[in-house]
Amino acid sequence: MDTDADYDPRYLAGIVLFNRGDYFEAHEVWEQLWMERAGPDKKFYQGLIQAAVALCHFCNGNVRGARKLYQSSRDYMSRFGSPFAGLDHAAFWEQMAACFAELLAAPDVERRVEPDEKLLPTLTLSPAPAEWPDPRVFLEQEEERPE
């Protein structure tokens, strides 16, 4: 992806949701994109989805789930050079590591650790898109999709 015109609007909508702290919703939107992918970038989107779910678990007190998905997400995304798809994911993982440091350092995997809101990571793109989509459009599509 070389220009902002190459960004899939679902990718961008997921970023908007993620940066709002709507991790579950970001995962839902990115999952639509991930399901359509067949190439190597499918693993990148899987990593993003798992990062969002790791944060969702962390914020909801699911310590085991947060730890597990943190690691699998990092593993998926480490396969790609940084930046990839406009995301400096090396910088993103520095933020994730800071956010998860206390949780990962806790010897008791059952001990509840609250995330520090000041350390919650954000996603930024370079180049930034000319326009960010309204994520509600993609969430409504998810609701309308037949089971």
C-alpha atoms as a PDB file:
ATOM      1  CA  MET A   1       0.000   0.000   0.000  1.00  0.00           C
ATOM      2  CA  ASP A   2       1.673   3.158  -1.181  1.00  0.00           C
ATOM      3  CA  THR A   3      -1.054   5.787  -1.038  1.00  0.00           C
ATOM      4  CA  ASP A   4      -4.047   6.521   1.123  1.00  0.00           C
ATOM      5  CA  ALA A   5      -6.243   5.594  -1.859  1.00  0.00           C
ATOM      6  CA  ASP A   6      -5.167   1.988  -1.315  1.00  0.00           C
ATOM      7  CA  TYR A   7      -6.571   1.735   2.219  1.00  0.00           C
ATOM      8  CA  ASP A   8      -9.647  -0.431   2.468  1.00  0.00           C
ATOM      9  CA  PRO A   9     -12.379   1.605   4.205  1.00  0.00           C
ATOM     10  CA  ARG A  10     -12.965  -1.303   6.620  1.00  0.00           C
ATOM     11  CA  TYR A  11      -9.315  -1.128   7.675  1.00  0.00           C
ATOM     12  CA  LEU A  12      -9.751   2.575   8.368  1.00  0.00           C
ATOM     13  CA  ALA A  13     -13.079   2.112  10.150  1.00  0.00           C
ATOM     14  CA  GLY A  14     -11.486  -0.504  12.406  1.00  0.00           C
ATOM     15  CA  ILE A  15      -8.715   1.945  13.267  1.00  0.00           C
ATOM     16  CA  VAL A  16     -11.253   4.630  14.186  1.00  0.00           C
ATOM     17  CA  LEU A  17     -13.038   2.164  16.477  1.00  0.00           C
ATOM     18  CA  PHE A  18      -9.804   0.832  17.973  1.00  0.00           C
ATOM     19  CA  ASN A  19      -8.573   4.340  18.772  1.00  0.00           C
ATOM     20  CA  ARG A  20     -11.902   5.080  20.495  1.00  0.00           C
ATOM     21  CA  GLY A  21     -11.411   2.038  22.710  1.00  0.00           C
ATOM     22  CA  ASP A  22     -14.172   0.131  20.930  1.00  0.00           C
ATOM     23  CA  TYR A  23     -12.004  -2.962  20.593  1.00  0.00           C
ATOM     24  CA  PHE A  24     -14.764  -5.498  20.085  1.00  0.00           C
ATOM     25  CA  GLU A  25     -16.326  -3.394  17.333  1.00  0.00           C
ATOM     26  CA  ALA A  26     -12.922  -2.888  15.659  1.00  0.00           C
ATOM     27  CA  HIS A  27     -12.473  -6.658  15.655  1.00  0.00           C
ATOM     28  CA  GLU A  28     -15.901  -7.095  14.048  1.00  0.00           C
ATOM     29  CA  VAL A  29     -15.129  -4.681  11.208  1.00  0.00           C
ATOM     30  CA  TRP A  30     -11.640  -6.083  10.586  1.00  0.00           C
ATOM     31  CA  GLU A  31     -13.039  -9.594  10.576  1.00  0.00           C
ATOM     32  CA  GLN A  32     -15.117  -8.695   7.497  1.00  0.00           C
ATOM     33  CA  LEU A  33     -11.904  -7.685   5.743  1.00  0.00           C
ATOM     34  CA  TRP A  34      -9.933 -10.688   7.001  1.00  0.00           C
ATOM     35  CA  MET A  35     -12.532 -13.180   5.750  1.00  0.00           C
ATOM     36  CA  GLU A  36     -12.126 -11.864   2.198  1.00  0.00           C
ATOM     37  CA  ARG A  37      -8.341 -12.077   2.164  1.00  0.00           C
ATOM     38  CA  ALA A  38      -6.440 -15.021   0.728  1.00  0.00           C
ATOM     39  CA  GLY A  39      -2.907 -13.604   0.413  1.00  0.00           C
ATOM     40  CA  PRO A  40      -0.163 -13.121   2.952  1.00  0.00           C
ATOM     41  CA  ASP A  41      -1.704  -9.926   4.348  1.00  0.00           C
ATOM     42  CA  LYS A  42      -4.504 -12.067   5.806  1.00  0.00           C
ATOM     43  CA  LYS A  43      -2.169 -12.805   8.758  1.00  0.00           C
ATOM     44  CA  PHE A  44      -1.610  -9.077   9.280  1.00  0.00           C
ATOM     45  CA  TYR A  45      -5.335  -8.495   9.664  1.00  0.00           C
ATOM     46  CA  GLN A  46      -5.572 -11.518  11.927  1.00  0.00           C
ATOM     47  CA  GLY A  47      -2.891  -9.926  14.102  1.00  0.00           C
ATOM     48  CA  LEU A  48      -4.851  -6.671  14.289  1.00  0.00           C
ATOM     49  CA  ILE A  49      -8.028  -8.546  15.164  1.00  0.00           C
ATOM     50  CA  GLN A  50      -6.261 -10.435  17.933  1.00  0.00           C
ATOM     51  CA  ALA A  51      -4.652  -7.237  19.280  1.00  0.00           C
ATOM     52  CA  ALA A  52      -8.116  -5.697  19.555  1.00  0.00           C
ATOM     53  CA  VAL A  53      -9.503  -8.788  21.280  1.00  0.00           C
ATOM     54  CA  ALA A  54      -6.489  -8.896  23.627  1.00  0.00           C
ATOM     55  CA  LEU A  55      -7.301  -5.346  24.701  1.00  0.00           C
ATOM     56  CA  CYS A  56     -10.984  -6.205  24.992  1.00  0.00           C
ATOM     57  CA  HIS A  57     -10.112  -9.113  27.300  1.00  0.00           C
ATOM     58  CA  PHE A  58      -7.660  -6.977  29.282  1.00  0.00           C
ATOM     59  CA  CYS A  59     -10.270  -4.262  29.844  1.00  0.00           C
ATOM     60  CA  ASN A  60     -12.861  -6.885  30.863  1.00  0.00           C
ATOM     61  CA  GLY A  61     -10.570  -8.675  33.333  1.00  0.00           C
ATOM     62  CA  ASN A  62      -9.968 -11.841  31.300  1.00  0.00           C
ATOM     63  CA  VAL A  63      -6.282 -12.093  32.182  1.00  0.00           C
ATOM     64  CA  ARG A  64      -5.631 -15.457  30.531  1.00  0.00           C
ATOM     65  CA  GLY A  65      -7.317 -14.465  27.285  1.00  0.00           C
ATOM     66  CA  ALA A  66      -5.523 -11.108  27.201  1.00  0.00           C
ATOM     67  CA  ARG A  67      -2.100 -12.725  27.660  1.00  0.00           C
ATOM     68  CA  LYS A  68      -2.734 -15.433  25.088  1.00  0.00           C
ATOM     69  CA  LEU A  69      -4.043 -13.079  22.400  1.00  0.00           C
ATOM     70  CA  TYR A  70      -1.346 -10.493  23.076  1.00  0.00           C
ATOM     71  CA  GLN A  71       1.296 -13.086  22.231  1.00  0.00           C
ATOM     72  CA  SER A  72      -0.445 -14.620  19.205  1.00  0.00           C
ATOM     73  CA  SER A  73      -1.199 -11.160  17.808  1.00  0.00           C
ATOM     74  CA  ARG A  74       2.410 -10.109  18.181  1.00  0.00           C
ATOM     75  CA  ASP A  75       3.550 -13.319  16.497  1.00  0.00           C
ATOM     76  CA  TYR A  76       1.263 -12.740  13.503  1.00  0.00           C
ATOM     77  CA  MET A  77       2.305  -9.130  13.014  1.00  0.00           C
ATOM     78  CA  SER A  78       6.025  -9.769  13.508  1.00  0.00           C
ATOM     79  CA  ARG A  79       6.036 -11.571  10.143  1.00  0.00           C
ATOM     80  CA  PHE A  80       5.653  -8.241   8.368  1.00  0.00           C
ATOM     81  CA  GLY A  81       8.123  -5.446   7.865  1.00  0.00           C
ATOM     82  CA  SER A  82       7.320  -2.189   9.558  1.00  0.00           C
ATOM     83  CA  PRO A  83       5.619  -0.167   8.306  1.00  0.00           C
ATOM     84  CA  PHE A  84       3.030  -2.388   6.680  1.00  0.00           C
ATOM     85  CA  ALA A  85      -0.296  -1.124   5.325  1.00  0.00           C
ATOM     86  CA  GLY A  86       0.725   2.356   6.493  1.00  0.00           C
ATOM     87  CA  LEU A  87       1.058   1.186  10.098  1.00  0.00           C
ATOM     88  CA  ASP A  88       4.356   1.433  11.957  1.00  0.00           C
ATOM     89  CA  HIS A  89       3.564  -1.692  13.863  1.00  0.00           C
ATOM     90  CA  ALA A  90       6.980  -1.675  15.576  1.00  0.00           C
ATOM     91  CA  ALA A  91       5.891   1.546  17.324  1.00  0.00           C
ATOM     92  CA  PHE A  92       2.442   0.066  17.922  1.00  0.00           C
ATOM     93  CA  TRP A  93       3.995  -2.955  19.652  1.00  0.00           C
ATOM     94  CA  GLU A  94       6.080  -0.660  21.836  1.00  0.00           C
ATOM     95  CA  GLN A  95       2.782   0.862  22.991  1.00  0.00           C
ATOM     96  CA  MET A  96       1.210  -2.572  23.459  1.00  0.00           C
ATOM     97  CA  ALA A  97       4.228  -3.762  25.475  1.00  0.00           C
ATOM     98  CA  ALA A  98       3.965  -0.726  27.769  1.00  0.00           C
ATOM     99  CA  CYS A  99       0.218  -1.244  28.158  1.00  0.00           C
ATOM    100  CA  PHE A 100       0.548  -4.963  28.916  1.00  0.00           C
ATOM    101  CA  ALA A 101       3.789  -4.788  30.967  1.00  0.00           C
ATOM    102  CA  GLU A 102       2.164  -5.178  34.388  1.00  0.00           C
ATOM    103  CA  LEU A 103      -0.176  -7.901  33.178  1.00  0.00           C
ATOM    104  CA  LEU A 104       2.631  -9.892  31.543  1.00  0.00           C
ATOM    105  CA  ALA A 105       4.920  -9.469  34.548  1.00  0.00           C
ATOM    106  CA  ALA A 106       2.320 -10.741  37.035  1.00  0.00           C
ATOM    107  CA  PRO A 107       3.389 -14.207  38.200  1.00  0.00           C
ATOM    108  CA  ASP A 108      -0.204 -15.149  39.042  1.00  0.00           C
ATOM    109  CA  VAL A 109      -2.058 -15.503  35.744  1.00  0.00           C
ATOM    110  CA  GLU A 110      -5.366 -15.215  37.615  1.00  0.00           C
ATOM    111  CA  ARG A 111      -4.512 -11.894  39.318  1.00  0.00           C
ATOM    112  CA  ARG A 112      -6.683  -9.123  37.940  1.00  0.00           C
ATOM    113  CA  VAL A 113      -4.696  -6.224  36.540  1.00  0.00           C
ATOM    114  CA  GLU A 114      -6.429  -3.080  35.352  1.00  0.00           C
ATOM    115  CA  PRO A 115      -5.069  -1.421  32.207  1.00  0.00           C
ATOM    116  CA  ASP A 116      -3.736   2.103  32.657  1.00  0.00           C
ATOM    117  CA  GLU A 117      -5.892   4.278  30.399  1.00  0.00           C
ATOM    118  CA  LYS A 118      -2.914   6.539  29.670  1.00  0.00           C
ATOM    119  CA  LEU A 119      -1.071   3.534  28.208  1.00  0.00           C
ATOM    120  CA  LEU A 120      -3.789   2.259  25.881  1.00  0.00           C
ATOM    121  CA  PRO A 121      -2.267   2.048  22.402  1.00  0.00           C
ATOM    122  CA  THR A 122      -3.434   3.869  19.308  1.00  0.00           C
ATOM    123  CA  LEU A 123      -3.001   3.144  15.636  1.00  0.00           C
ATOM    124  CA  THR A 124      -1.707   5.811  13.245  1.00  0.00           C
ATOM    125  CA  LEU A 125      -1.141   5.568   9.521  1.00  0.00           C
ATOM    126  CA  SER A 126       1.456   7.147   7.294  1.00  0.00           C
ATOM    127  CA  PRO A 127       0.373   8.460   4.976  1.00  0.00           C
ATOM    128  CA  ALA A 128      -2.808   9.376   6.744  1.00  0.00           C
ATOM    129  CA  PRO A 129      -5.951   8.925   4.687  1.00  0.00           C
ATOM    130  CA  ALA A 130      -7.538  12.000   3.168  1.00  0.00           C
ATOM    131  CA  GLU A 131     -10.805  11.019   4.849  1.00  0.00           C
ATOM    132  CA  TRP A 132     -11.797   8.597   7.598  1.00  0.00           C
ATOM    133  CA  PRO A 133     -14.994   6.575   7.090  1.00  0.00           C
ATOM    134  CA  ASP A 134     -17.880   6.477   9.509  1.00  0.00           C
ATOM    135  CA  PRO A 135     -17.459   3.073  11.190  1.00  0.00           C
ATOM    136  CA  ARG A 136     -21.197   2.793  11.869  1.00  0.00           C
ATOM    137  CA  VAL A 137     -21.690   1.942   8.195  1.00  0.00           C
ATOM    138  CA  PHE A 138     -19.583  -1.194   8.604  1.00  0.00           C
ATOM    139  CA  LEU A 139     -21.093  -2.159  11.934  1.00  0.00           C
ATOM    140  CA  GLU A 140     -24.555  -1.953  10.377  1.00  0.00           C
ATOM    141  CA  GLN A 141     -23.369  -4.211   7.544  1.00  0.00           C
ATOM    142  CA  GLU A 142     -22.230  -6.725  10.156  1.00  0.00           C
ATOM    143  CA  GLU A 143     -25.654  -6.665  11.807  1.00  0.00           C
ATOM    144  CA  GLU A 144     -27.418  -7.184   8.476  1.00  0.00           C
ATOM    145  CA  ARG A 145     -25.276 -10.135   7.406  1.00  0.00           C
ATOM    146  CA  PRO A 146     -27.213 -13.428   7.484  1.00  0.00           C
ATOM    147  CA  GLU A 147     -25.974 -16.145   9.808  1.00  0.00           C
END
